[in-house]
Amino acid sequence: MLTLYGFSRVNSFARGRTRELRVMWALEEMGVPYRVRGLDHPAHELNTEAYRRLSPFEQIPSIDDDGVVVSESGAILLYLARKSGKLIPADELGQTQVVRWCFAALNTVELPMIYVDQLRFAVKEDPAAKQLDAMMEWARLRVKHLERWLKDREYVATDEFTIADILMSLVLSEIDDATLYDPYPRVREYREHCKSRPAWKKSIEAYCDYVETA
């Protein structure tokens, strides 16, 4: 059975937002049986030689699929989609669009979101505040681009829900700021539409059952 390595304990600000949820969601959508191996982050269970063999950068998530080891959430989702034939089109053009939008979610859109999230913990002086303002403008630019792209689309890559939507909707959930999303209602609607799926609700409920707050 496939083993998903996730958290068993994380700091309170990260609980419910960690990246193994991307993989759990995909596995639930695909109907693939799996088990979760939880690691205690505050106790440094990720910082071991054994776990580095699964994840060179000591990050969650990683999977062991009967000896096939994959880390990095985007790579895991693409591996699972191609193996199962689900959440990704069968034709080359459709697959290319899904890959395109997976990269867009993880690189173009997520990067400013991460910066804003991190800077909020660091804002104590004017320079940091200025950096936060700059990062918010960067994030608004990306959300504005998405608003335009999603105008006549239900999902980001194809006409059907794919792994690209898992990545994009969860990246968009990393910041929930009215000043960021209120001008772009289609992006907010898209995010909530994706997260209304039963597989997401099942994933987050299961996650909250086994991940404790440190």
Protein backbone atom coordinates (compact mmCIF):
# COMPACT_ATOMS: atom_id res chain seq x y z
CA MET A 1 0.00 0.00 0.00
CA LEU A 2 1.15 3.52 -0.71
CA THR A 3 2.58 5.33 2.31
CA LEU A 4 2.21 9.09 2.54
CA TYR A 5 4.61 10.84 4.89
CA GLY A 6 2.94 13.81 6.54
CA PHE A 7 2.91 15.56 9.88
CA SER A 8 1.72 14.18 13.18
CA ARG A 9 2.39 17.46 14.98
CA VAL A 10 3.03 20.99 13.67
CA ASN A 11 3.05 24.52 15.00
CA SER A 12 -0.42 26.00 15.38
CA PHE A 13 -0.09 28.53 12.54
CA ALA A 14 0.71 25.74 10.05
CA ARG A 15 -1.96 23.21 11.04
CA GLY A 16 -4.48 22.73 8.24
CA ARG A 17 -2.19 24.33 5.65
CA THR A 18 0.64 21.83 5.20
CA ARG A 19 1.44 20.33 1.82
CA GLU A 20 0.58 16.68 2.41
CA LEU A 21 -3.03 17.83 2.11
CA ARG A 22 -2.41 18.28 -1.61
CA VAL A 23 -1.50 14.61 -1.88
CA MET A 24 -4.29 13.40 0.42
CA TRP A 25 -6.81 15.28 -1.69
CA ALA A 26 -5.51 13.76 -4.90
CA LEU A 27 -5.50 10.25 -3.45
CA GLU A 28 -9.10 10.66 -2.27
CA GLU A 29 -10.18 11.94 -5.70
CA MET A 30 -8.42 9.02 -7.38
CA GLY A 31 -9.73 6.40 -4.96
CA VAL A 32 -6.21 5.12 -4.28
CA PRO A 33 -5.79 3.36 -0.92
CA TYR A 34 -3.05 4.79 1.27
CA ARG A 35 -1.81 5.09 4.80
CA VAL A 36 -0.34 8.13 6.49
CA ARG A 37 2.92 7.98 8.39
CA GLY A 38 2.94 11.04 10.65
CA LEU A 39 6.16 12.78 11.65
CA ASP A 40 6.52 15.15 14.59
CA HIS A 41 7.97 18.38 13.21
CA PRO A 42 8.73 20.13 16.54
CA ALA A 43 10.51 16.96 17.69
CA HIS A 44 12.70 17.08 14.53
CA GLU A 45 11.56 13.73 13.15
CA LEU A 46 12.05 15.11 9.63
CA ASN A 47 15.72 15.85 10.32
CA THR A 48 16.99 12.28 10.17
CA GLU A 49 19.12 10.42 7.67
CA ALA A 50 16.31 7.89 7.19
CA TYR A 51 13.84 10.59 6.16
CA ARG A 52 16.41 12.35 3.98
CA ARG A 53 16.46 9.23 1.83
CA LEU A 54 12.81 9.95 1.09
CA SER A 55 12.98 13.75 0.99
CA PRO A 56 16.44 15.28 0.42
CA PHE A 57 15.34 18.69 1.71
CA GLU A 58 13.66 17.24 4.83
CA GLN A 59 10.24 18.40 3.72
CA ILE A 60 6.71 17.05 3.84
CA PRO A 61 5.21 15.40 1.82
CA SER A 62 6.86 12.37 0.35
CA ILE A 63 5.48 9.00 -0.68
CA ASP A 64 6.70 5.44 -0.88
CA ASP A 65 4.60 3.58 -3.44
CA ASP A 66 5.83 0.01 -3.02
CA GLY A 67 9.42 1.14 -3.42
CA VAL A 68 8.84 4.11 -5.71
CA VAL A 69 9.86 7.12 -3.62
CA VAL A 70 8.77 10.61 -4.67
CA SER A 71 9.02 13.93 -2.85
CA GLU A 72 7.84 17.45 -3.75
CA SER A 73 4.05 17.82 -3.84
CA GLY A 74 3.83 18.74 -7.53
CA ALA A 75 5.96 15.80 -8.61
CA ILE A 76 3.93 13.45 -6.41
CA LEU A 77 0.64 14.62 -7.91
CA LEU A 78 1.90 14.25 -11.46
CA TYR A 79 3.23 10.76 -10.68
CA LEU A 80 -0.08 9.68 -9.15
CA ALA A 81 -2.15 11.18 -11.96
CA ARG A 82 -0.12 9.49 -14.68
CA LYS A 83 -0.07 6.15 -12.86
CA SER A 84 -3.80 6.13 -12.09
CA GLY A 85 -4.96 7.84 -15.27
CA LYS A 86 -7.16 10.12 -13.16
CA LEU A 87 -7.24 13.89 -12.72
CA ILE A 88 -5.26 14.26 -15.92
CA PRO A 89 -6.47 14.00 -19.53
CA ALA A 90 -5.42 11.09 -21.70
CA ASP A 91 -4.36 13.23 -24.66
CA GLU A 92 -0.97 14.92 -24.89
CA LEU A 93 -2.40 18.42 -25.31
CA GLY A 94 -4.54 18.10 -22.22
CA GLN A 95 -1.65 16.66 -20.20
CA THR A 96 0.53 19.55 -21.28
CA GLN A 97 -2.03 22.05 -20.03
CA VAL A 98 -2.26 20.31 -16.66
CA VAL A 99 1.53 20.30 -16.28
CA ARG A 100 1.63 23.96 -17.31
CA TRP A 101 -0.85 24.96 -14.64
CA CYS A 102 0.76 22.82 -11.96
CA PHE A 103 3.96 24.76 -12.53
CA ALA A 104 2.01 28.02 -12.56
CA ALA A 105 0.46 27.22 -9.19
CA LEU A 106 3.73 26.21 -7.54
CA ASN A 107 6.01 28.84 -9.03
CA THR A 108 4.22 31.88 -10.40
CA VAL A 109 1.35 32.10 -7.93
CA GLU A 110 2.62 30.44 -4.75
CA LEU A 111 5.89 32.36 -4.47
CA PRO A 112 4.44 35.77 -3.61
CA MET A 113 1.88 34.09 -1.36
CA ILE A 114 4.70 32.52 0.66
CA TYR A 115 6.57 35.80 0.91
CA VAL A 116 3.52 37.63 2.19
CA ASP A 117 2.79 34.89 4.70
CA GLN A 118 6.34 34.91 6.02
CA LEU A 119 6.69 38.68 6.15
CA ARG A 120 3.61 38.95 8.34
CA PHE A 121 5.62 37.26 11.07
CA ALA A 122 8.57 39.58 10.54
CA VAL A 123 6.91 42.99 10.31
CA LYS A 124 8.29 44.96 13.25
CA GLU A 125 10.06 47.84 11.53
CA ASP A 126 9.34 50.09 8.59
CA PRO A 127 11.65 48.22 6.15
CA ALA A 128 9.79 44.98 6.76
CA ALA A 129 6.47 46.77 6.35
CA LYS A 130 7.63 48.12 3.00
CA GLN A 131 8.64 44.63 1.94
CA LEU A 132 5.21 43.34 2.93
CA ASP A 133 3.56 46.04 0.84
CA ALA A 134 5.71 45.08 -2.13
CA MET A 135 4.92 41.39 -1.75
CA MET A 136 1.20 42.13 -1.49
CA GLU A 137 1.37 44.02 -4.76
CA TRP A 138 3.11 41.02 -6.32
CA ALA A 139 0.42 38.71 -5.01
CA ARG A 140 -2.34 41.04 -6.27
CA LEU A 141 -0.77 41.01 -9.72
CA ARG A 142 -0.86 37.22 -9.85
CA VAL A 143 -4.44 37.09 -8.58
CA LYS A 144 -5.42 39.68 -11.17
CA HIS A 145 -3.93 37.46 -13.88
CA LEU A 146 -5.87 34.49 -12.56
CA GLU A 147 -9.09 36.50 -12.45
CA ARG A 148 -8.71 37.19 -16.15
CA TRP A 149 -7.85 33.58 -16.98
CA LEU A 150 -10.78 32.15 -15.02
CA LYS A 151 -13.38 34.52 -16.43
CA ASP A 152 -15.01 31.88 -18.66
CA ARG A 153 -13.51 28.77 -17.09
CA GLU A 154 -14.68 26.49 -14.32
CA TYR A 155 -11.24 24.96 -13.78
CA VAL A 156 -7.77 26.28 -14.41
CA ALA A 157 -6.24 23.79 -16.88
CA THR A 158 -9.04 21.88 -18.65
CA ASP A 159 -12.82 21.57 -18.61
CA GLU A 160 -12.54 18.91 -15.89
CA PHE A 161 -11.14 19.06 -12.36
CA THR A 162 -7.46 18.02 -12.34
CA ILE A 163 -4.45 17.97 -10.06
CA ALA A 164 -3.69 21.51 -11.27
CA ASP A 165 -6.84 22.66 -9.47
CA ILE A 166 -5.77 20.96 -6.26
CA LEU A 167 -2.48 22.82 -6.35
CA MET A 168 -3.91 26.17 -7.41
CA SER A 169 -6.82 26.25 -4.96
CA LEU A 170 -4.61 25.32 -2.00
CA VAL A 171 -1.95 27.85 -2.99
CA LEU A 172 -4.71 30.47 -3.11
CA SER A 173 -5.73 29.40 0.40
CA GLU A 174 -2.34 30.24 1.89
CA ILE A 175 -3.48 33.84 2.31
CA ASP A 176 -7.08 34.78 3.04
CA ASP A 177 -7.00 38.56 2.88
CA ALA A 178 -9.99 40.65 1.84
CA THR A 179 -7.77 43.31 0.30
CA LEU A 180 -6.23 40.63 -1.90
CA TYR A 181 -9.35 38.76 -3.02
CA ASP A 182 -12.29 41.15 -2.82
CA PRO A 183 -11.37 42.88 -6.12
CA TYR A 184 -11.19 39.46 -7.79
CA PRO A 185 -14.39 37.56 -6.96
CA ARG A 186 -13.92 34.95 -9.67
CA VAL A 187 -10.68 33.76 -8.07
CA ARG A 188 -12.33 33.49 -4.66
CA GLU A 189 -15.29 31.66 -6.22
CA TYR A 190 -12.95 29.28 -8.03
CA ARG A 191 -11.05 28.52 -4.83
CA GLU A 192 -14.19 27.82 -2.84
CA HIS A 193 -15.72 25.78 -5.66
CA CYS A 194 -12.69 23.49 -5.74
CA LYS A 195 -12.68 23.12 -1.97
CA SER A 196 -16.37 22.24 -1.88
CA ARG A 197 -15.54 18.82 -3.31
CA PRO A 198 -16.24 15.87 -0.96
CA ALA A 199 -12.70 14.54 -1.32
CA TRP A 200 -11.26 17.79 0.04
CA LYS A 201 -13.67 17.78 2.97
CA LYS A 202 -12.77 14.18 3.74
CA SER A 203 -9.06 14.99 3.51
CA ILE A 204 -9.13 17.99 5.83
CA GLU A 205 -11.34 16.18 8.35
CA ALA A 206 -8.97 13.20 8.43
CA TYR A 207 -5.99 15.52 8.68
CA CYS A 208 -7.45 17.38 11.65
CA ASP A 209 -8.16 14.07 13.36
CA TYR A 210 -4.54 12.93 13.35
CA VAL A 211 -2.47 16.14 13.28
CA GLU A 212 -2.09 17.69 16.71
CA THR A 213 -1.30 21.31 17.52
CA ALA A 214 2.12 21.69 19.11
